[in-house]
Amino acid sequence: MDKRSYWVVGGEYADTSFSALVEGTPEERFGPFTESGAHECWRALTGKTVDNAMVRYFVRNEDDRQGKAFFVVGGEYAGTDFKTMAEGHSVERYGPFEKQEAMIFWRGITSQTVDSALHRYDIVSDREIDEFLGRFAAG
């Protein structure tokens, strides 16, 4: 069972990169919640602001709030089970990032490979990176 606390954060952003709020506007924060409570709050907030494309809210857990490191990992896989890298390819690893930076980077790299069913990228925390990379270690 997930014992972490979750928050809903966001507000009105300056542009569609959703990386900086409108100047002079504080970040809105709601919580702490359980994960399901945070998603309920998120749904209620986004429902009220659906007509404003510049308003976004995100569900964040305590790892995000504590500035944990995150990585974007993946690349071209041999099959759609995403268990083995394509021949001649190794796992790509980008970061470390803060969570929001990782999300922005992930959006950029996945948009470049959107037409390839064999490309996949994930965001993993500093606690998960060694386990993820270990799945692809030469054995």
C-alpha atoms as a PDB file:
ATOM      1  CA  MET A   1       0.000   0.000   0.000  1.00  0.00           C
ATOM      2  CA  ASP A   2       1.319   3.438  -0.960  1.00  0.00           C
ATOM      3  CA  LYS A   3       1.960   5.439   2.221  1.00  0.00           C
ATOM      4  CA  ARG A   4       3.146   8.593   0.456  1.00  0.00           C
ATOM      5  CA  SER A   5       1.274  11.875   0.634  1.00  0.00           C
ATOM      6  CA  TYR A   6       0.051  13.538  -2.554  1.00  0.00           C
ATOM      7  CA  TRP A   7      -0.653  17.153  -3.509  1.00  0.00           C
ATOM      8  CA  VAL A   8      -2.367  18.836  -6.431  1.00  0.00           C
ATOM      9  CA  VAL A   9      -0.334  21.796  -7.681  1.00  0.00           C
ATOM     10  CA  GLY A  10      -0.559  24.175 -10.605  1.00  0.00           C
ATOM     11  CA  GLY A  11      -2.346  27.258 -11.772  1.00  0.00           C
ATOM     12  CA  GLU A  12      -2.240  29.503 -14.817  1.00  0.00           C
ATOM     13  CA  TYR A  13       0.941  29.088 -16.875  1.00  0.00           C
ATOM     14  CA  ALA A  14       2.727  31.594 -19.084  1.00  0.00           C
ATOM     15  CA  ASP A  15       2.836  29.264 -22.113  1.00  0.00           C
ATOM     16  CA  THR A  16       2.043  25.718 -23.174  1.00  0.00           C
ATOM     17  CA  SER A  17       5.349  24.301 -21.950  1.00  0.00           C
ATOM     18  CA  PHE A  18       3.677  24.529 -18.519  1.00  0.00           C
ATOM     19  CA  SER A  19       7.057  25.181 -16.912  1.00  0.00           C
ATOM     20  CA  ALA A  20       6.493  28.702 -15.515  1.00  0.00           C
ATOM     21  CA  LEU A  21       3.393  30.264 -14.019  1.00  0.00           C
ATOM     22  CA  VAL A  22       2.122  33.640 -15.187  1.00  0.00           C
ATOM     23  CA  GLU A  23       4.452  36.228 -13.660  1.00  0.00           C
ATOM     24  CA  GLY A  24       3.283  37.302 -10.225  1.00  0.00           C
ATOM     25  CA  THR A  25       0.956  34.323  -9.847  1.00  0.00           C
ATOM     26  CA  PRO A  26       1.680  31.932  -6.967  1.00  0.00           C
ATOM     27  CA  GLU A  27       1.496  28.186  -7.450  1.00  0.00           C
ATOM     28  CA  GLU A  28      -1.770  26.789  -6.112  1.00  0.00           C
ATOM     29  CA  ARG A  29      -1.352  23.822  -3.735  1.00  0.00           C
ATOM     30  CA  PHE A  30      -3.983  21.456  -2.392  1.00  0.00           C
ATOM     31  CA  GLY A  31      -3.340  18.572  -0.004  1.00  0.00           C
ATOM     32  CA  PRO A  32      -1.961  16.432   1.398  1.00  0.00           C
ATOM     33  CA  PHE A  33      -4.158  13.620   0.147  1.00  0.00           C
ATOM     34  CA  THR A  34      -4.024   9.898  -0.455  1.00  0.00           C
ATOM     35  CA  GLU A  35      -3.294   9.148  -4.099  1.00  0.00           C
ATOM     36  CA  SER A  36      -6.973   8.599  -4.901  1.00  0.00           C
ATOM     37  CA  GLY A  37      -7.955  11.752  -2.978  1.00  0.00           C
ATOM     38  CA  ALA A  38      -5.433  13.778  -4.962  1.00  0.00           C
ATOM     39  CA  HIS A  39      -6.854  12.471  -8.242  1.00  0.00           C
ATOM     40  CA  GLU A  40     -10.383  13.363  -7.117  1.00  0.00           C
ATOM     41  CA  CYS A  41      -9.220  16.915  -6.300  1.00  0.00           C
ATOM     42  CA  TRP A  42      -7.387  17.108  -9.647  1.00  0.00           C
ATOM     43  CA  ARG A  43     -10.530  16.049 -11.556  1.00  0.00           C
ATOM     44  CA  ALA A  44     -12.626  18.671  -9.749  1.00  0.00           C
ATOM     45  CA  LEU A  45     -10.104  21.462 -10.425  1.00  0.00           C
ATOM     46  CA  THR A  46      -9.555  20.570 -14.081  1.00  0.00           C
ATOM     47  CA  GLY A  47     -13.291  20.326 -14.619  1.00  0.00           C
ATOM     48  CA  LYS A  48     -13.691  23.915 -13.437  1.00  0.00           C
ATOM     49  CA  THR A  49     -10.867  25.211 -15.667  1.00  0.00           C
ATOM     50  CA  VAL A  50     -11.365  23.103 -18.801  1.00  0.00           C
ATOM     51  CA  ASP A  51     -12.062  26.196 -20.931  1.00  0.00           C
ATOM     52  CA  ASN A  52      -8.686  27.813 -20.168  1.00  0.00           C
ATOM     53  CA  ALA A  53      -5.861  26.028 -22.013  1.00  0.00           C
ATOM     54  CA  MET A  54      -3.252  27.833 -19.927  1.00  0.00           C
ATOM     55  CA  VAL A  55      -4.419  26.387 -16.595  1.00  0.00           C
ATOM     56  CA  ARG A  56      -2.964  23.038 -15.585  1.00  0.00           C
ATOM     57  CA  TYR A  57      -2.825  21.047 -12.400  1.00  0.00           C
ATOM     58  CA  PHE A  58      -0.565  18.126 -11.617  1.00  0.00           C
ATOM     59  CA  VAL A  59      -0.672  15.386  -8.987  1.00  0.00           C
ATOM     60  CA  ARG A  60       2.645  15.271  -7.142  1.00  0.00           C
ATOM     61  CA  ASN A  61       3.804  12.939  -4.414  1.00  0.00           C
ATOM     62  CA  GLU A  62       6.204  13.661  -1.580  1.00  0.00           C
ATOM     63  CA  ASP A  63       9.179  12.510  -3.687  1.00  0.00           C
ATOM     64  CA  ASP A  64       8.340  15.274  -6.174  1.00  0.00           C
ATOM     65  CA  ARG A  65       8.016  17.865  -3.389  1.00  0.00           C
ATOM     66  CA  GLN A  66      11.344  16.856  -1.848  1.00  0.00           C
ATOM     67  CA  GLY A  67      13.241  17.446  -5.087  1.00  0.00           C
ATOM     68  CA  LYS A  68      14.149  13.829  -5.735  1.00  0.00           C
ATOM     69  CA  ALA A  69      16.049  13.135  -8.921  1.00  0.00           C
ATOM     70  CA  PHE A  70      14.232  11.686 -11.924  1.00  0.00           C
ATOM     71  CA  PHE A  71      15.529  10.190 -15.161  1.00  0.00           C
ATOM     72  CA  VAL A  72      14.062   9.650 -18.611  1.00  0.00           C
ATOM     73  CA  VAL A  73      15.055   6.198 -19.836  1.00  0.00           C
ATOM     74  CA  GLY A  74      14.235   4.045 -22.825  1.00  0.00           C
ATOM     75  CA  GLY A  75      14.926   3.960 -26.523  1.00  0.00           C
ATOM     76  CA  GLU A  76      14.274   1.573 -29.370  1.00  0.00           C
ATOM     77  CA  TYR A  77      13.128  -1.887 -28.329  1.00  0.00           C
ATOM     78  CA  ALA A  78      13.206  -5.188 -30.221  1.00  0.00           C
ATOM     79  CA  GLY A  79       9.474  -5.809 -29.718  1.00  0.00           C
ATOM     80  CA  THR A  80       6.325  -4.345 -28.274  1.00  0.00           C
ATOM     81  CA  ASP A  81       6.829  -6.202 -24.995  1.00  0.00           C
ATOM     82  CA  PHE A  82       9.528  -3.561 -24.302  1.00  0.00           C
ATOM     83  CA  LYS A  83      11.786  -6.068 -22.544  1.00  0.00           C
ATOM     84  CA  THR A  84      14.785  -6.150 -24.895  1.00  0.00           C
ATOM     85  CA  MET A  85      16.532  -3.290 -26.636  1.00  0.00           C
ATOM     86  CA  ALA A  86      16.768  -3.428 -30.429  1.00  0.00           C
ATOM     87  CA  GLU A  87      19.910  -4.957 -31.858  1.00  0.00           C
ATOM     88  CA  GLY A  88      22.718  -2.426 -31.798  1.00  0.00           C
ATOM     89  CA  HIS A  89      20.859  -0.169 -29.320  1.00  0.00           C
ATOM     90  CA  SER A  90      21.360   0.343 -25.626  1.00  0.00           C
ATOM     91  CA  VAL A  91      19.162   2.015 -23.045  1.00  0.00           C
ATOM     92  CA  GLU A  92      19.189   5.781 -23.351  1.00  0.00           C
ATOM     93  CA  ARG A  93      19.380   7.636 -20.033  1.00  0.00           C
ATOM     94  CA  TYR A  94      18.770  11.354 -19.585  1.00  0.00           C
ATOM     95  CA  GLY A  95      18.944  13.321 -16.363  1.00  0.00           C
ATOM     96  CA  PRO A  96      18.921  13.748 -13.479  1.00  0.00           C
ATOM     97  CA  PHE A  97      16.021  16.174 -13.555  1.00  0.00           C
ATOM     98  CA  GLU A  98      13.518  17.527 -11.118  1.00  0.00           C
ATOM     99  CA  LYS A  99      10.104  15.933 -11.785  1.00  0.00           C
ATOM    100  CA  GLN A 100       8.686  18.799 -13.863  1.00  0.00           C
ATOM    101  CA  GLU A 101      11.868  19.009 -15.972  1.00  0.00           C
ATOM    102  CA  ALA A 102      11.702  15.236 -16.535  1.00  0.00           C
ATOM    103  CA  MET A 103       8.094  15.556 -17.729  1.00  0.00           C
ATOM    104  CA  ILE A 104       9.022  18.333 -20.165  1.00  0.00           C
ATOM    105  CA  PHE A 105      11.990  16.353 -21.509  1.00  0.00           C
ATOM    106  CA  TRP A 106       9.847  13.183 -21.784  1.00  0.00           C
ATOM    107  CA  ARG A 107       7.202  15.050 -23.790  1.00  0.00           C
ATOM    108  CA  GLY A 108       9.879  16.312 -26.170  1.00  0.00           C
ATOM    109  CA  ILE A 109      11.602  12.985 -26.772  1.00  0.00           C
ATOM    110  CA  THR A 110       8.351  11.028 -27.130  1.00  0.00           C
ATOM    111  CA  SER A 111       7.039  13.538 -29.658  1.00  0.00           C
ATOM    112  CA  GLN A 112      10.112  12.803 -31.799  1.00  0.00           C
ATOM    113  CA  THR A 113       9.392   9.058 -31.825  1.00  0.00           C
ATOM    114  CA  VAL A 114       5.574   9.098 -31.835  1.00  0.00           C
ATOM    115  CA  ASP A 115       5.436   7.263 -35.176  1.00  0.00           C
ATOM    116  CA  SER A 116       7.575   4.346 -33.967  1.00  0.00           C
ATOM    117  CA  ALA A 117       5.751   1.559 -32.156  1.00  0.00           C
ATOM    118  CA  LEU A 118       9.111   0.235 -30.923  1.00  0.00           C
ATOM    119  CA  HIS A 119      10.283   3.364 -29.145  1.00  0.00           C
ATOM    120  CA  ARG A 120       9.332   3.871 -25.521  1.00  0.00           C
ATOM    121  CA  TYR A 121      10.542   6.182 -22.770  1.00  0.00           C
ATOM    122  CA  ASP A 122       9.708   6.125 -19.085  1.00  0.00           C
ATOM    123  CA  ILE A 123      10.348   8.438 -16.158  1.00  0.00           C
ATOM    124  CA  VAL A 124      11.967   6.735 -13.179  1.00  0.00           C
ATOM    125  CA  SER A 125      13.122   8.098  -9.845  1.00  0.00           C
ATOM    126  CA  ASP A 126      16.612   7.899  -8.435  1.00  0.00           C
ATOM    127  CA  ARG A 127      15.350   4.981  -6.304  1.00  0.00           C
ATOM    128  CA  GLU A 128      14.204   3.068  -9.413  1.00  0.00           C
ATOM    129  CA  ILE A 129      16.975   3.828 -11.907  1.00  0.00           C
ATOM    130  CA  ASP A 130      19.341   1.011 -10.909  1.00  0.00           C
ATOM    131  CA  GLU A 131      16.558  -1.589 -11.050  1.00  0.00           C
ATOM    132  CA  PHE A 132      15.446  -0.325 -14.474  1.00  0.00           C
ATOM    133  CA  LEU A 133      18.950  -0.339 -15.934  1.00  0.00           C
ATOM    134  CA  GLY A 134      19.680  -3.731 -14.335  1.00  0.00           C
ATOM    135  CA  ARG A 135      17.011  -5.329 -16.539  1.00  0.00           C
ATOM    136  CA  PHE A 136      19.201  -4.564 -19.558  1.00  0.00           C
ATOM    137  CA  ALA A 137      22.624  -5.362 -18.135  1.00  0.00           C
ATOM    138  CA  ALA A 138      24.658  -7.772 -20.212  1.00  0.00           C
ATOM    139  CA  GLY A 139      24.424 -11.116 -18.554  1.00  0.00           C
END
